[in-house]
Amino acid sequence: MADLPPTVRTTPVTLDLTINLPFLITVAGMLAAAATWAADSNARLERLEERTRDVPAITERLARIDERGNSGAESLARIERRLDRIEEGGR
């Protein structure tokens, strides 16, 4: 091994696996933030589910209102036709 150039490392590479306190505090903070975010997301989802429970009733009401509007438009068209006939007959 005396033939190796001085820049070649002859000792084995070691990996330091110790964990320091700031790293643990950072990971704990990230876990707390993730748990808070998950809880908030769950609360928002529950509110949306509550809103969608009322959607069928609202849809039915809108369908009835639309039908009333259509029947009102048909009545108006009949009245206009009658008035047109009266005007034509009166001239």
Protein backbone atom coordinates (compact mmCIF):
# COMPACT_ATOMS: atom_id res chain seq x y z
CA MET A 1 0.00 0.00 0.00
CA ALA A 2 2.96 2.26 0.05
CA ASP A 3 2.61 2.68 -3.71
CA LEU A 4 -0.71 4.60 -3.47
CA PRO A 5 -0.68 8.35 -4.13
CA PRO A 6 -1.16 10.54 -1.05
CA THR A 7 -4.69 11.63 -2.15
CA VAL A 8 -6.15 8.12 -2.00
CA ARG A 9 -7.91 7.35 1.26
CA THR A 10 -6.95 4.06 2.84
CA THR A 11 -9.28 4.20 5.86
CA PRO A 12 -12.88 2.93 5.58
CA VAL A 13 -15.72 5.45 5.26
CA THR A 14 -17.96 5.66 8.32
CA LEU A 15 -21.51 6.99 8.54
CA ASP A 16 -22.57 8.93 11.62
CA LEU A 17 -26.17 7.96 12.46
CA THR A 18 -26.63 10.09 15.55
CA ILE A 19 -29.70 12.31 15.69
CA ASN A 20 -29.43 15.70 17.32
CA LEU A 21 -32.08 17.60 19.27
CA PRO A 22 -32.86 20.32 16.67
CA PHE A 23 -33.60 17.60 14.12
CA LEU A 24 -36.02 15.87 16.51
CA ILE A 25 -37.74 19.19 17.28
CA THR A 26 -38.11 19.91 13.55
CA VAL A 27 -39.60 16.49 12.84
CA ALA A 28 -41.99 16.81 15.79
CA GLY A 29 -43.11 20.22 14.54
CA MET A 30 -43.69 18.89 11.05
CA LEU A 31 -45.74 15.99 12.43
CA ALA A 32 -47.82 18.38 14.52
CA ALA A 33 -48.44 20.60 11.48
CA ALA A 34 -49.45 17.58 9.40
CA ALA A 35 -51.87 16.40 12.09
CA THR A 36 -53.41 19.88 12.33
CA TRP A 37 -53.79 20.08 8.56
CA ALA A 38 -55.42 16.64 8.45
CA ALA A 39 -57.89 17.58 11.19
CA ASP A 40 -58.81 20.83 9.41
CA SER A 41 -59.27 18.97 6.13
CA ASN A 42 -61.53 16.47 7.83
CA ALA A 43 -63.63 19.26 9.34
CA ARG A 44 -63.99 20.95 5.92
CA LEU A 45 -65.01 17.64 4.36
CA GLU A 46 -67.65 17.07 7.03
CA ARG A 47 -69.10 20.55 6.41
CA LEU A 48 -69.28 19.85 2.67
CA GLU A 49 -70.99 16.52 3.31
CA GLU A 50 -73.59 18.27 5.48
CA ARG A 51 -74.26 20.76 2.68
CA THR A 52 -74.67 18.06 0.06
CA ARG A 53 -77.25 16.25 2.18
CA ASP A 54 -79.65 19.14 1.47
CA VAL A 55 -78.97 19.16 -2.29
CA PRO A 56 -81.75 16.70 -3.31
CA ALA A 57 -84.39 18.78 -1.52
CA ILE A 58 -83.08 21.96 -3.11
CA THR A 59 -82.96 20.31 -6.53
CA GLU A 60 -86.57 19.21 -6.18
CA ARG A 61 -87.65 22.71 -5.18
CA LEU A 62 -85.81 24.21 -8.14
CA ALA A 63 -87.49 21.74 -10.49
CA ARG A 64 -90.90 22.78 -9.16
CA ILE A 65 -90.05 26.46 -9.56
CA ASP A 66 -88.84 25.82 -13.10
CA GLU A 67 -92.05 23.99 -13.93
CA ARG A 68 -94.10 26.90 -12.58
CA GLY A 69 -92.06 29.27 -14.71
CA ASN A 70 -92.66 27.14 -17.80
CA SER A 71 -96.40 26.94 -17.16
CA GLY A 72 -96.48 30.71 -16.63
CA ALA A 73 -94.71 31.24 -19.96
CA GLU A 74 -97.23 28.94 -21.68
CA SER A 75 -100.13 30.87 -20.12
CA LEU A 76 -98.62 34.14 -21.26
CA ALA A 77 -98.24 32.82 -24.80
CA ARG A 78 -101.92 31.75 -24.85
CA ILE A 79 -103.02 35.16 -23.58
CA GLU A 80 -100.94 36.91 -26.24
CA ARG A 81 -102.44 34.73 -28.98
CA ARG A 82 -105.94 35.55 -27.76
CA LEU A 83 -105.15 39.25 -27.68
CA ASP A 84 -103.73 39.02 -31.19
CA ARG A 85 -106.93 37.35 -32.39
CA ILE A 86 -109.05 39.98 -30.67
CA GLU A 87 -107.01 42.77 -32.26
CA GLU A 88 -107.25 41.18 -35.69
CA GLY A 89 -111.02 40.71 -35.33
CA GLY A 90 -111.56 44.25 -34.06
CA ARG A 91 -109.96 45.93 -37.05
